[in-house]
Amino acid sequence: MKGAIFKLLEDFVVANHGPDAFEDLLDRTELQTTRAIVGPGTYPAEDLIALVETAVATYGQPIDELLRAFGRHSFPPLAESVSDLMVGLDDPISFLLNLESVIHTEVRKLDPEANPARFTATDLGDGQLRFDYQSDLGLFPLVEGFLDGVGDWFETPLIHERVSTDGTNAVFRVRASEKPIGSGPVAEGAPDGVTV
């Protein structure tokens, strides 16, 4: 897993718990890596999971809530880092339809060590998508948080539902809401304002 994801987790924890909170998590977590975590580096995914588990124990927040809030918090900086690839993707549905073919393909070209999760979006008509997530990690709530963040980014909330899981893979049904941002939650259980 790329160090940039660890940096996003650090930003998320610091934003919610202060400047020393992430260092405290690092001190209390047994990591496989012994070197400093930096953005361009690649580290075991197990280290990220270990840090999340320490955060869950430290802050007393359910892991699904924490991962979803982290995903939502992380989408804006991720989008900004690939903003040149998002030209012409002006709404959340077109973004999701092009996520794998445009953005993740380019990410892999720029960094052959990168191994982002794989997403397949299928247009079902009527403004709905089937959104498939494939990863060895099975971080379904993180994907739900990213979907919340995509809706925030495009100021068009996404209504999404996990309709099936198969081990570490999942299928979501997604559609854009007709409600503008700020008119209330649109996804059942959406963690608006939830922090760790």
N, C-alpha and C. Protein backbone atom coordinates (compact mmCIF):
# COMPACT_ATOMS: atom_id res chain seq x y z
N MET A 1 0.85 -1.17 0.00
CA MET A 1 0.00 0.00 0.00
C MET A 1 0.90 1.24 0.00
N LYS A 2 0.49 2.23 -0.78
CA LYS A 2 1.31 3.43 -0.92
C LYS A 2 1.29 4.28 0.36
N GLY A 3 2.41 4.91 0.62
CA GLY A 3 2.54 5.79 1.78
C GLY A 3 1.54 6.93 1.76
N ALA A 4 1.08 7.31 0.58
CA ALA A 4 0.10 8.40 0.49
C ALA A 4 -1.18 8.06 1.25
N ILE A 5 -1.56 6.79 1.28
CA ILE A 5 -2.77 6.40 2.01
C ILE A 5 -2.53 6.54 3.52
N PHE A 6 -1.32 6.19 3.96
CA PHE A 6 -0.97 6.38 5.37
C PHE A 6 -1.00 7.87 5.72
N LYS A 7 -0.54 8.71 4.80
CA LYS A 7 -0.57 10.16 5.02
C LYS A 7 -2.00 10.66 5.15
N LEU A 8 -2.89 10.11 4.33
CA LEU A 8 -4.31 10.48 4.43
C LEU A 8 -4.87 10.07 5.79
N LEU A 9 -4.48 8.88 6.27
CA LEU A 9 -4.94 8.46 7.59
C LEU A 9 -4.38 9.39 8.67
N GLU A 10 -3.12 9.77 8.53
CA GLU A 10 -2.53 10.71 9.48
C GLU A 10 -3.31 12.03 9.49
N ASP A 11 -3.60 12.57 8.32
CA ASP A 11 -4.34 13.84 8.23
C ASP A 11 -5.71 13.71 8.90
N PHE A 12 -6.37 12.57 8.66
CA PHE A 12 -7.69 12.31 9.22
C PHE A 12 -7.64 12.27 10.75
N VAL A 13 -6.68 11.54 11.30
CA VAL A 13 -6.57 11.41 12.75
C VAL A 13 -6.19 12.76 13.38
N VAL A 14 -5.24 13.46 12.78
CA VAL A 14 -4.81 14.76 13.31
C VAL A 14 -5.96 15.76 13.27
N ALA A 15 -6.73 15.76 12.18
CA ALA A 15 -7.86 16.70 12.07
C ALA A 15 -8.89 16.47 13.17
N ASN A 16 -9.02 15.23 13.62
CA ASN A 16 -10.04 14.90 14.61
C ASN A 16 -9.52 14.86 16.05
N HIS A 17 -8.20 14.66 16.22
CA HIS A 17 -7.69 14.44 17.58
C HIS A 17 -6.43 15.22 17.93
N GLY A 18 -6.01 16.10 17.07
CA GLY A 18 -4.88 16.96 17.40
C GLY A 18 -3.56 16.50 16.81
N PRO A 19 -2.56 17.39 16.87
CA PRO A 19 -1.30 17.18 16.16
C PRO A 19 -0.47 15.98 16.61
N ASP A 20 -0.65 15.52 17.85
CA ASP A 20 0.17 14.40 18.33
C ASP A 20 -0.55 13.05 18.23
N ALA A 21 -1.79 13.06 17.79
CA ALA A 21 -2.60 11.84 17.85
C ALA A 21 -2.06 10.73 16.96
N PHE A 22 -1.58 11.07 15.77
CA PHE A 22 -1.11 10.01 14.88
C PHE A 22 0.20 9.42 15.38
N GLU A 23 1.08 10.26 15.89
CA GLU A 23 2.32 9.74 16.47
C GLU A 23 2.02 8.79 17.62
N ASP A 24 0.99 9.12 18.40
CA ASP A 24 0.58 8.25 19.50
C ASP A 24 0.11 6.90 18.95
N LEU A 25 -0.67 6.92 17.87
CA LEU A 25 -1.11 5.65 17.25
C LEU A 25 0.09 4.85 16.77
N LEU A 26 1.04 5.51 16.11
CA LEU A 26 2.23 4.82 15.63
C LEU A 26 2.98 4.16 16.78
N ASP A 27 3.12 4.89 17.90
CA ASP A 27 3.85 4.36 19.06
C ASP A 27 3.16 3.13 19.65
N ARG A 28 1.84 3.07 19.55
CA ARG A 28 1.09 2.00 20.20
C ARG A 28 0.72 0.86 19.25
N THR A 29 1.21 0.92 18.01
CA THR A 29 0.86 -0.10 17.02
C THR A 29 2.10 -0.86 16.60
N GLU A 30 2.00 -2.17 16.61
CA GLU A 30 3.10 -3.00 16.12
C GLU A 30 2.99 -3.09 14.60
N LEU A 31 3.97 -2.52 13.92
CA LEU A 31 3.98 -2.48 12.46
C LEU A 31 5.01 -3.45 11.91
N GLN A 32 4.75 -3.94 10.71
CA GLN A 32 5.72 -4.80 10.03
C GLN A 32 6.91 -3.98 9.54
N THR A 33 6.62 -2.77 9.06
CA THR A 33 7.71 -1.94 8.54
C THR A 33 8.46 -1.30 9.70
N THR A 34 9.76 -1.18 9.52
CA THR A 34 10.58 -0.56 10.56
C THR A 34 11.12 0.79 10.13
N ARG A 35 10.84 1.17 8.88
CA ARG A 35 11.34 2.45 8.38
C ARG A 35 10.23 3.50 8.45
N ALA A 36 10.63 4.75 8.32
CA ALA A 36 9.65 5.83 8.33
C ALA A 36 8.71 5.70 7.13
N ILE A 37 7.44 6.01 7.34
CA ILE A 37 6.45 5.93 6.27
C ILE A 37 6.43 7.26 5.54
N VAL A 38 6.73 7.22 4.25
CA VAL A 38 6.72 8.43 3.42
C VAL A 38 5.81 8.19 2.21
N GLY A 39 5.28 9.28 1.66
CA GLY A 39 4.31 9.21 0.57
C GLY A 39 4.68 8.31 -0.59
N PRO A 40 5.88 8.44 -1.16
CA PRO A 40 6.21 7.64 -2.34
C PRO A 40 6.49 6.17 -2.03
N GLY A 41 6.68 5.83 -0.77
CA GLY A 41 7.04 4.46 -0.42
C GLY A 41 5.87 3.50 -0.53
N THR A 42 6.18 2.20 -0.46
CA THR A 42 5.17 1.15 -0.46
C THR A 42 5.35 0.34 0.82
N TYR A 43 4.23 0.06 1.50
CA TYR A 43 4.26 -0.58 2.80
C TYR A 43 3.20 -1.67 2.87
N PRO A 44 3.34 -2.59 3.82
CA PRO A 44 2.35 -3.66 3.94
C PRO A 44 0.96 -3.11 4.27
N ALA A 45 -0.04 -3.61 3.58
CA ALA A 45 -1.43 -3.20 3.86
C ALA A 45 -1.79 -3.56 5.30
N GLU A 46 -1.18 -4.60 5.82
CA GLU A 46 -1.45 -5.01 7.20
C GLU A 46 -1.10 -3.90 8.19
N ASP A 47 -0.13 -3.05 7.84
CA ASP A 47 0.22 -1.93 8.73
C ASP A 47 -0.91 -0.91 8.80
N LEU A 48 -1.56 -0.66 7.67
CA LEU A 48 -2.69 0.27 7.69
C LEU A 48 -3.83 -0.31 8.53
N ILE A 49 -4.11 -1.59 8.34
CA ILE A 49 -5.16 -2.25 9.11
C ILE A 49 -4.83 -2.20 10.60
N ALA A 50 -3.57 -2.43 10.95
CA ALA A 50 -3.15 -2.39 12.36
C ALA A 50 -3.37 -1.00 12.95
N LEU A 51 -3.05 0.05 12.19
CA LEU A 51 -3.26 1.42 12.67
C LEU A 51 -4.75 1.71 12.86
N VAL A 52 -5.56 1.25 11.94
CA VAL A 52 -7.01 1.44 12.06
C VAL A 52 -7.53 0.71 13.30
N GLU A 53 -7.05 -0.50 13.53
CA GLU A 53 -7.49 -1.25 14.71
C GLU A 53 -7.08 -0.55 16.00
N THR A 54 -5.88 0.05 16.02
CA THR A 54 -5.45 0.81 17.19
C THR A 54 -6.35 2.04 17.38
N ALA A 55 -6.69 2.70 16.28
CA ALA A 55 -7.59 3.87 16.36
C ALA A 55 -8.95 3.46 16.91
N VAL A 56 -9.47 2.34 16.46
CA VAL A 56 -10.76 1.85 16.94
C VAL A 56 -10.69 1.62 18.45
N ALA A 57 -9.62 0.96 18.91
CA ALA A 57 -9.47 0.70 20.35
C ALA A 57 -9.27 1.99 21.13
N THR A 58 -8.55 2.94 20.56
CA THR A 58 -8.24 4.19 21.25
C THR A 58 -9.46 5.10 21.36
N TYR A 59 -10.20 5.24 20.27
CA TYR A 59 -11.28 6.21 20.23
C TYR A 59 -12.65 5.61 20.47
N GLY A 60 -12.73 4.29 20.56
CA GLY A 60 -13.99 3.65 20.89
C GLY A 60 -15.06 3.78 19.80
N GLN A 61 -14.63 3.97 18.58
CA GLN A 61 -15.58 4.10 17.48
C GLN A 61 -15.63 2.77 16.71
N PRO A 62 -16.82 2.32 16.32
CA PRO A 62 -16.90 1.08 15.54
C PRO A 62 -16.06 1.18 14.26
N ILE A 63 -15.43 0.08 13.90
CA ILE A 63 -14.51 0.09 12.75
C ILE A 63 -15.21 0.51 11.47
N ASP A 64 -16.46 0.07 11.26
CA ASP A 64 -17.15 0.44 10.02
C ASP A 64 -17.37 1.95 9.95
N GLU A 65 -17.73 2.56 11.08
CA GLU A 65 -17.92 4.01 11.13
C GLU A 65 -16.61 4.74 10.85
N LEU A 66 -15.55 4.28 11.49
CA LEU A 66 -14.25 4.92 11.31
C LEU A 66 -13.80 4.84 9.85
N LEU A 67 -13.89 3.65 9.25
CA LEU A 67 -13.46 3.49 7.86
C LEU A 67 -14.30 4.34 6.91
N ARG A 68 -15.60 4.42 7.16
CA ARG A 68 -16.45 5.21 6.27
C ARG A 68 -16.12 6.70 6.39
N ALA A 69 -15.93 7.16 7.61
CA ALA A 69 -15.57 8.57 7.81
C ALA A 69 -14.20 8.87 7.20
N PHE A 70 -13.25 7.93 7.33
CA PHE A 70 -11.92 8.09 6.73
C PHE A 70 -12.02 8.16 5.21
N GLY A 71 -12.82 7.29 4.61
CA GLY A 71 -12.99 7.31 3.16
C GLY A 71 -13.56 8.64 2.67
N ARG A 72 -14.56 9.14 3.37
CA ARG A 72 -15.18 10.41 2.98
C ARG A 72 -14.18 11.56 3.11
N HIS A 73 -13.43 11.55 4.19
CA HIS A 73 -12.42 12.59 4.44
C HIS A 73 -11.31 12.56 3.38
N SER A 74 -10.99 11.36 2.90
CA SER A 74 -9.85 11.18 2.00
C SER A 74 -10.13 11.49 0.54
N PHE A 75 -11.39 11.49 0.14
CA PHE A 75 -11.64 11.66 -1.29
C PHE A 75 -11.17 13.01 -1.84
N PRO A 76 -11.43 14.15 -1.19
CA PRO A 76 -10.97 15.42 -1.77
C PRO A 76 -9.48 15.48 -2.07
N PRO A 77 -8.60 15.09 -1.12
CA PRO A 77 -7.18 15.15 -1.48
C PRO A 77 -6.80 14.16 -2.59
N LEU A 78 -7.46 13.00 -2.63
CA LEU A 78 -7.20 12.07 -3.72
C LEU A 78 -7.61 12.68 -5.06
N ALA A 79 -8.78 13.31 -5.09
CA ALA A 79 -9.26 13.94 -6.32
C ALA A 79 -8.33 15.07 -6.76
N GLU A 80 -7.87 15.86 -5.81
CA GLU A 80 -6.95 16.95 -6.14
C GLU A 80 -5.64 16.43 -6.71
N SER A 81 -5.20 15.27 -6.24
CA SER A 81 -3.93 14.72 -6.71
C SER A 81 -4.00 14.21 -8.16
N VAL A 82 -5.22 13.96 -8.65
CA VAL A 82 -5.38 13.50 -10.04
C VAL A 82 -6.31 14.44 -10.82
N SER A 83 -6.35 15.71 -10.42
CA SER A 83 -7.30 16.64 -11.03
C SER A 83 -7.12 16.75 -12.54
N ASP A 84 -5.88 16.63 -13.03
CA ASP A 84 -5.66 16.70 -14.48
C ASP A 84 -6.32 15.53 -15.21
N LEU A 85 -6.51 14.40 -14.54
CA LEU A 85 -7.16 13.25 -15.15
C LEU A 85 -8.69 13.34 -15.08
N MET A 86 -9.18 14.28 -14.29
CA MET A 86 -10.63 14.40 -14.10
C MET A 86 -11.27 15.42 -15.02
N VAL A 87 -10.49 15.99 -15.92
CA VAL A 87 -11.05 16.97 -16.86
C VAL A 87 -12.14 16.30 -17.69
N GLY A 88 -13.30 16.92 -17.73
CA GLY A 88 -14.42 16.38 -18.49
C GLY A 88 -15.29 15.43 -17.69
N LEU A 89 -14.84 15.05 -16.50
CA LEU A 89 -15.66 14.20 -15.63
C LEU A 89 -16.37 15.14 -14.65
N ASP A 90 -17.54 15.60 -15.06
CA ASP A 90 -18.18 16.71 -14.37
C ASP A 90 -19.29 16.32 -13.40
N ASP A 91 -19.52 15.04 -13.23
CA ASP A 91 -20.56 14.60 -12.31
C ASP A 91 -20.13 13.26 -11.71
N PRO A 92 -20.73 12.87 -10.60
CA PRO A 92 -20.25 11.67 -9.92
C PRO A 92 -20.43 10.39 -10.74
N ILE A 93 -21.46 10.32 -11.54
CA ILE A 93 -21.71 9.10 -12.32
C ILE A 93 -20.65 8.95 -13.41
N SER A 94 -20.34 10.03 -14.15
CA SER A 94 -19.30 9.92 -15.19
C SER A 94 -17.95 9.64 -14.55
N PHE A 95 -17.70 10.19 -13.36
CA PHE A 95 -16.44 9.89 -12.67
C PHE A 95 -16.35 8.40 -12.35
N LEU A 96 -17.39 7.84 -11.76
CA LEU A 96 -17.35 6.42 -11.39
C LEU A 96 -17.24 5.51 -12.61
N LEU A 97 -17.91 5.89 -13.70
CA LEU A 97 -17.83 5.09 -14.92
C LEU A 97 -16.41 5.07 -15.50
N ASN A 98 -15.63 6.12 -15.20
CA ASN A 98 -14.28 6.25 -15.76
C ASN A 98 -13.17 6.03 -14.74
N LEU A 99 -13.53 5.72 -13.52
CA LEU A 99 -12.53 5.60 -12.45
C LEU A 99 -11.43 4.60 -12.81
N GLU A 100 -11.79 3.42 -13.21
CA GLU A 100 -10.79 2.39 -13.48
C GLU A 100 -10.06 2.65 -14.79
N SER A 101 -10.79 2.94 -15.84
CA SER A 101 -10.17 3.04 -17.17
C SER A 101 -9.31 4.29 -17.33
N VAL A 102 -9.67 5.37 -16.68
CA VAL A 102 -8.91 6.62 -16.84
C VAL A 102 -7.95 6.81 -15.68
N ILE A 103 -8.47 6.84 -14.48
CA ILE A 103 -7.66 7.26 -13.34
C ILE A 103 -6.75 6.14 -12.83
N HIS A 104 -7.29 4.99 -12.52
CA HIS A 104 -6.45 3.92 -11.97
C HIS A 104 -5.45 3.40 -13.00
N THR A 105 -5.83 3.38 -14.27
CA THR A 105 -4.88 2.97 -15.31
C THR A 105 -3.69 3.92 -15.33
N GLU A 106 -3.96 5.21 -15.24
CA GLU A 106 -2.88 6.20 -15.25
C GLU A 106 -2.04 6.11 -13.98
N VAL A 107 -2.70 5.89 -12.84
CA VAL A 107 -1.97 5.74 -11.58
C VAL A 107 -0.98 4.58 -11.68
N ARG A 108 -1.42 3.48 -12.27
CA ARG A 108 -0.53 2.31 -12.42
C ARG A 108 0.61 2.59 -13.39
N LYS A 109 0.36 3.40 -14.42
CA LYS A 109 1.43 3.77 -15.35
C LYS A 109 2.48 4.63 -14.64
N LEU A 110 2.01 5.58 -13.84
CA LEU A 110 2.92 6.50 -13.16
C LEU A 110 3.69 5.81 -12.04
N ASP A 111 3.07 4.80 -11.43
CA ASP A 111 3.71 4.11 -10.32
C ASP A 111 3.42 2.62 -10.43
N PRO A 112 4.32 1.87 -11.07
CA PRO A 112 4.09 0.43 -11.25
C PRO A 112 3.92 -0.34 -9.94
N GLU A 113 4.40 0.21 -8.83
CA GLU A 113 4.23 -0.46 -7.54
C GLU A 113 2.83 -0.25 -6.96
N ALA A 114 2.11 0.72 -7.49
CA ALA A 114 0.77 1.00 -6.97
C ALA A 114 -0.15 -0.18 -7.28
N ASN A 115 -0.95 -0.52 -6.32
CA ASN A 115 -1.90 -1.62 -6.51
C ASN A 115 -3.25 -1.22 -5.93
N PRO A 116 -3.87 -0.19 -6.54
CA PRO A 116 -5.16 0.24 -6.00
C PRO A 116 -6.22 -0.84 -6.22
N ALA A 117 -7.25 -0.78 -5.42
CA ALA A 117 -8.38 -1.69 -5.61
C ALA A 117 -8.90 -1.52 -7.03
N ARG A 118 -9.56 -2.53 -7.52
CA ARG A 118 -10.14 -2.46 -8.87
C ARG A 118 -11.64 -2.20 -8.75
N PHE A 119 -12.10 -1.29 -9.60
CA PHE A 119 -13.52 -0.94 -9.63
C PHE A 119 -14.05 -1.10 -11.04
N THR A 120 -15.22 -1.66 -11.16
CA THR A 120 -15.90 -1.76 -12.45
C THR A 120 -17.27 -1.14 -12.28
N ALA A 121 -17.57 -0.15 -13.09
CA ALA A 121 -18.88 0.50 -13.05
C ALA A 121 -19.64 0.14 -14.31
N THR A 122 -20.88 -0.29 -14.14
CA THR A 122 -21.74 -0.66 -15.26
C THR A 122 -22.98 0.19 -15.21
N ASP A 123 -23.26 0.89 -16.29
CA ASP A 123 -24.45 1.74 -16.37
C ASP A 123 -25.67 0.85 -16.50
N LEU A 124 -26.59 0.92 -15.54
CA LEU A 124 -27.80 0.11 -15.56
C LEU A 124 -28.98 0.87 -16.16
N GLY A 125 -28.73 2.11 -16.62
CA GLY A 125 -29.83 2.93 -17.12
C GLY A 125 -30.57 3.57 -15.96
N ASP A 126 -31.45 4.49 -16.25
CA ASP A 126 -32.24 5.17 -15.22
C ASP A 126 -31.37 5.85 -14.18
N GLY A 127 -30.14 6.25 -14.57
CA GLY A 127 -29.24 6.93 -13.65
C GLY A 127 -28.63 6.05 -12.58
N GLN A 128 -28.71 4.74 -12.74
CA GLN A 128 -28.15 3.82 -11.75
C GLN A 128 -26.93 3.10 -12.28
N LEU A 129 -26.03 2.78 -11.37
CA LEU A 129 -24.81 2.03 -11.69
C LEU A 129 -24.73 0.78 -10.84
N ARG A 130 -24.12 -0.22 -11.42
CA ARG A 130 -23.59 -1.33 -10.63
C ARG A 130 -22.11 -1.01 -10.46
N PHE A 131 -21.65 -1.00 -9.22
CA PHE A 131 -20.27 -0.62 -8.92
C PHE A 131 -19.61 -1.78 -8.19
N ASP A 132 -18.68 -2.46 -8.88
CA ASP A 132 -18.00 -3.62 -8.33
C ASP A 132 -16.65 -3.22 -7.75
N TYR A 133 -16.37 -3.71 -6.55
CA TYR A 133 -15.11 -3.46 -5.84
C TYR A 133 -14.38 -4.78 -5.70
N GLN A 134 -13.12 -4.80 -6.14
CA GLN A 134 -12.29 -6.00 -6.01
C GLN A 134 -10.99 -5.63 -5.31
N SER A 135 -10.75 -6.29 -4.20
CA SER A 135 -9.54 -6.03 -3.42
C SER A 135 -9.30 -7.20 -2.48
N ASP A 136 -8.05 -7.42 -2.14
CA ASP A 136 -7.74 -8.45 -1.15
C ASP A 136 -8.12 -8.01 0.26
N LEU A 137 -8.39 -6.73 0.45
CA LEU A 137 -8.59 -6.19 1.79
C LEU A 137 -10.04 -6.21 2.27
N GLY A 138 -11.00 -6.17 1.36
CA GLY A 138 -12.41 -6.20 1.75
C GLY A 138 -12.83 -5.04 2.63
N LEU A 139 -12.37 -3.83 2.32
CA LEU A 139 -12.68 -2.66 3.13
C LEU A 139 -13.96 -1.98 2.63
N PHE A 140 -15.08 -2.68 2.75
CA PHE A 140 -16.35 -2.20 2.20
C PHE A 140 -16.77 -0.83 2.76
N PRO A 141 -16.68 -0.60 4.08
CA PRO A 141 -17.07 0.71 4.60
C PRO A 141 -16.19 1.84 4.07
N LEU A 142 -14.92 1.55 3.79
CA LEU A 142 -14.04 2.57 3.21
C LEU A 142 -14.55 2.97 1.83
N VAL A 143 -14.98 2.00 1.04
CA VAL A 143 -15.55 2.28 -0.29
C VAL A 143 -16.82 3.11 -0.14
N GLU A 144 -17.65 2.78 0.85
CA GLU A 144 -18.87 3.56 1.08
C GLU A 144 -18.51 5.01 1.43
N GLY A 145 -17.46 5.20 2.21
CA GLY A 145 -17.01 6.55 2.52
C GLY A 145 -16.50 7.28 1.30
N PHE A 146 -15.75 6.58 0.44
CA PHE A 146 -15.30 7.19 -0.82
C PHE A 146 -16.50 7.62 -1.66
N LEU A 147 -17.52 6.77 -1.72
CA LEU A 147 -18.72 7.13 -2.49
C LEU A 147 -19.38 8.37 -1.89
N ASP A 148 -19.43 8.46 -0.56
CA ASP A 148 -19.95 9.68 0.08
C ASP A 148 -19.10 10.88 -0.33
N GLY A 149 -17.77 10.70 -0.35
CA GLY A 149 -16.85 11.78 -0.71
C GLY A 149 -16.98 12.19 -2.17
N VAL A 150 -17.23 11.22 -3.05
CA VAL A 150 -17.46 11.55 -4.47
C VAL A 150 -18.69 12.44 -4.58
N GLY A 151 -19.75 12.08 -3.88
CA GLY A 151 -20.96 12.92 -3.89
C GLY A 151 -20.69 14.31 -3.37
N ASP A 152 -19.92 14.41 -2.28
CA ASP A 152 -19.56 15.72 -1.73
C ASP A 152 -18.78 16.54 -2.75
N TRP A 153 -17.79 15.89 -3.39
CA TRP A 153 -16.90 16.58 -4.33
C TRP A 153 -17.69 17.19 -5.48
N PHE A 154 -18.64 16.43 -6.00
CA PHE A 154 -19.42 16.90 -7.15
C PHE A 154 -20.70 17.62 -6.73
N GLU A 155 -20.87 17.80 -5.42
CA GLU A 155 -22.05 18.46 -4.86
C GLU A 155 -23.34 17.81 -5.33
N THR A 156 -23.28 16.50 -5.49
CA THR A 156 -24.44 15.69 -5.86
C THR A 156 -24.36 14.41 -5.04
N PRO A 157 -25.08 14.35 -3.94
CA PRO A 157 -24.98 13.17 -3.08
C PRO A 157 -25.28 11.89 -3.86
N LEU A 158 -24.59 10.83 -3.48
CA LEU A 158 -24.83 9.52 -4.06
C LEU A 158 -25.61 8.66 -3.07
N ILE A 159 -26.64 8.03 -3.57
CA ILE A 159 -27.37 7.04 -2.79
C ILE A 159 -26.77 5.70 -3.18
N HIS A 160 -26.27 4.98 -2.21
CA HIS A 160 -25.60 3.72 -2.53
C HIS A 160 -25.97 2.66 -1.52
N GLU A 161 -25.96 1.44 -2.00
CA GLU A 161 -26.31 0.29 -1.19
C GLU A 161 -25.40 -0.87 -1.56
N ARG A 162 -24.84 -1.51 -0.57
CA ARG A 162 -24.05 -2.72 -0.82
C ARG A 162 -25.05 -3.86 -1.01
N VAL A 163 -25.07 -4.42 -2.21
CA VAL A 163 -26.08 -5.44 -2.49
C VAL A 163 -25.55 -6.86 -2.37
N SER A 164 -24.24 -7.03 -2.44
CA SER A 164 -23.69 -8.37 -2.24
C SER A 164 -22.21 -8.27 -1.91
N THR A 165 -21.73 -9.31 -1.23
CA THR A 165 -20.31 -9.44 -0.96
C THR A 165 -19.91 -10.88 -1.23
N ASP A 166 -18.67 -11.04 -1.62
CA ASP A 166 -18.14 -12.37 -1.90
C ASP A 166 -16.70 -12.36 -1.40
N GLY A 167 -16.51 -12.77 -0.17
CA GLY A 167 -15.17 -12.72 0.41
C GLY A 167 -14.72 -11.28 0.59
N THR A 168 -13.75 -10.86 -0.20
CA THR A 168 -13.23 -9.50 -0.08
C THR A 168 -13.76 -8.58 -1.17
N ASN A 169 -14.65 -9.06 -2.03
CA ASN A 169 -15.21 -8.25 -3.11
C ASN A 169 -16.65 -7.87 -2.78
N ALA A 170 -17.13 -6.81 -3.39
CA ALA A 170 -18.50 -6.37 -3.13
C ALA A 170 -19.09 -5.73 -4.38
N VAL A 171 -20.42 -5.72 -4.41
CA VAL A 171 -21.17 -5.04 -5.46
C VAL A 171 -22.07 -4.00 -4.78
N PHE A 172 -22.04 -2.79 -5.32
CA PHE A 172 -22.88 -1.70 -4.82
C PHE A 172 -23.83 -1.26 -5.92
N ARG A 173 -25.01 -0.82 -5.53
CA ARG A 173 -25.92 -0.14 -6.45
C ARG A 173 -25.83 1.33 -6.10
N VAL A 174 -25.60 2.18 -7.11
CA VAL A 174 -25.34 3.60 -6.88
C VAL A 174 -26.21 4.43 -7.82
N ARG A 175 -26.75 5.52 -7.28
CA ARG A 175 -27.41 6.51 -8.14
C ARG A 175 -27.22 7.89 -7.52
N ALA A 176 -27.29 8.89 -8.37
CA ALA A 176 -27.16 10.27 -7.89
C ALA A 176 -28.49 10.72 -7.32
N SER A 177 -28.41 11.45 -6.22
CA SER A 177 -29.61 11.99 -5.60
C SER A 177 -30.04 13.25 -6.34
N GLU A 178 -31.31 13.52 -6.27
CA GLU A 178 -31.80 14.78 -6.83
C GLU A 178 -31.74 15.89 -5.80
N LYS A 179 -31.44 15.53 -4.55
CA LYS A 179 -31.34 16.53 -3.48
C LYS A 179 -29.98 17.20 -3.55
N PRO A 180 -29.91 18.52 -3.44
CA PRO A 180 -28.60 19.18 -3.40
C PRO A 180 -27.92 18.93 -2.06
N ILE A 181 -26.61 19.10 -2.05
CA ILE A 181 -25.85 18.99 -0.80
C ILE A 181 -26.44 19.97 0.21
N GLY A 182 -26.56 19.52 1.43
CA GLY A 182 -27.05 20.40 2.49
C GLY A 182 -28.53 20.21 2.78
N SER A 183 -29.22 19.34 2.02
CA SER A 183 -30.65 19.17 2.27
C SER A 183 -30.93 17.93 3.13
N GLY A 184 -29.90 17.41 3.77
CA GLY A 184 -30.09 16.27 4.67
C GLY A 184 -29.43 15.02 4.14
N PRO A 185 -29.30 14.02 5.00
CA PRO A 185 -28.65 12.78 4.58
C PRO A 185 -29.46 12.07 3.50
N VAL A 186 -28.75 11.42 2.57
CA VAL A 186 -29.43 10.74 1.49
C VAL A 186 -29.21 9.24 1.51
N ALA A 187 -28.22 8.77 2.18
CA ALA A 187 -27.97 7.34 2.26
C ALA A 187 -28.26 6.88 3.68
N GLU A 188 -29.03 5.82 3.81
CA GLU A 188 -29.34 5.34 5.13
C GLU A 188 -28.05 5.04 5.87
N GLY A 189 -27.96 5.57 7.07
CA GLY A 189 -26.77 5.34 7.87
C GLY A 189 -25.59 6.20 7.47
N ALA A 190 -25.82 7.21 6.62
CA ALA A 190 -24.70 8.06 6.19
C ALA A 190 -24.11 8.76 7.41
N PRO A 191 -22.80 8.69 7.57
CA PRO A 191 -22.18 9.24 8.78
C PRO A 191 -21.86 10.72 8.62
N ASP A 192 -22.86 11.53 8.26
CA ASP A 192 -22.62 12.96 8.13
C ASP A 192 -22.12 13.52 9.46
N GLY A 193 -20.97 14.15 9.41
CA GLY A 193 -20.42 14.75 10.60
C GLY A 193 -19.77 13.78 11.57
N VAL A 194 -19.73 12.50 11.23
CA VAL A 194 -19.12 11.52 12.12
C VAL A 194 -17.61 11.67 12.07
N THR A 195 -17.02 11.67 13.22
CA THR A 195 -15.55 11.71 13.29
C THR A 195 -15.10 10.54 14.15
N VAL A 196 -13.80 10.31 14.12
CA VAL A 196 -13.28 9.24 14.98
C VAL A 196 -13.12 9.77 16.39
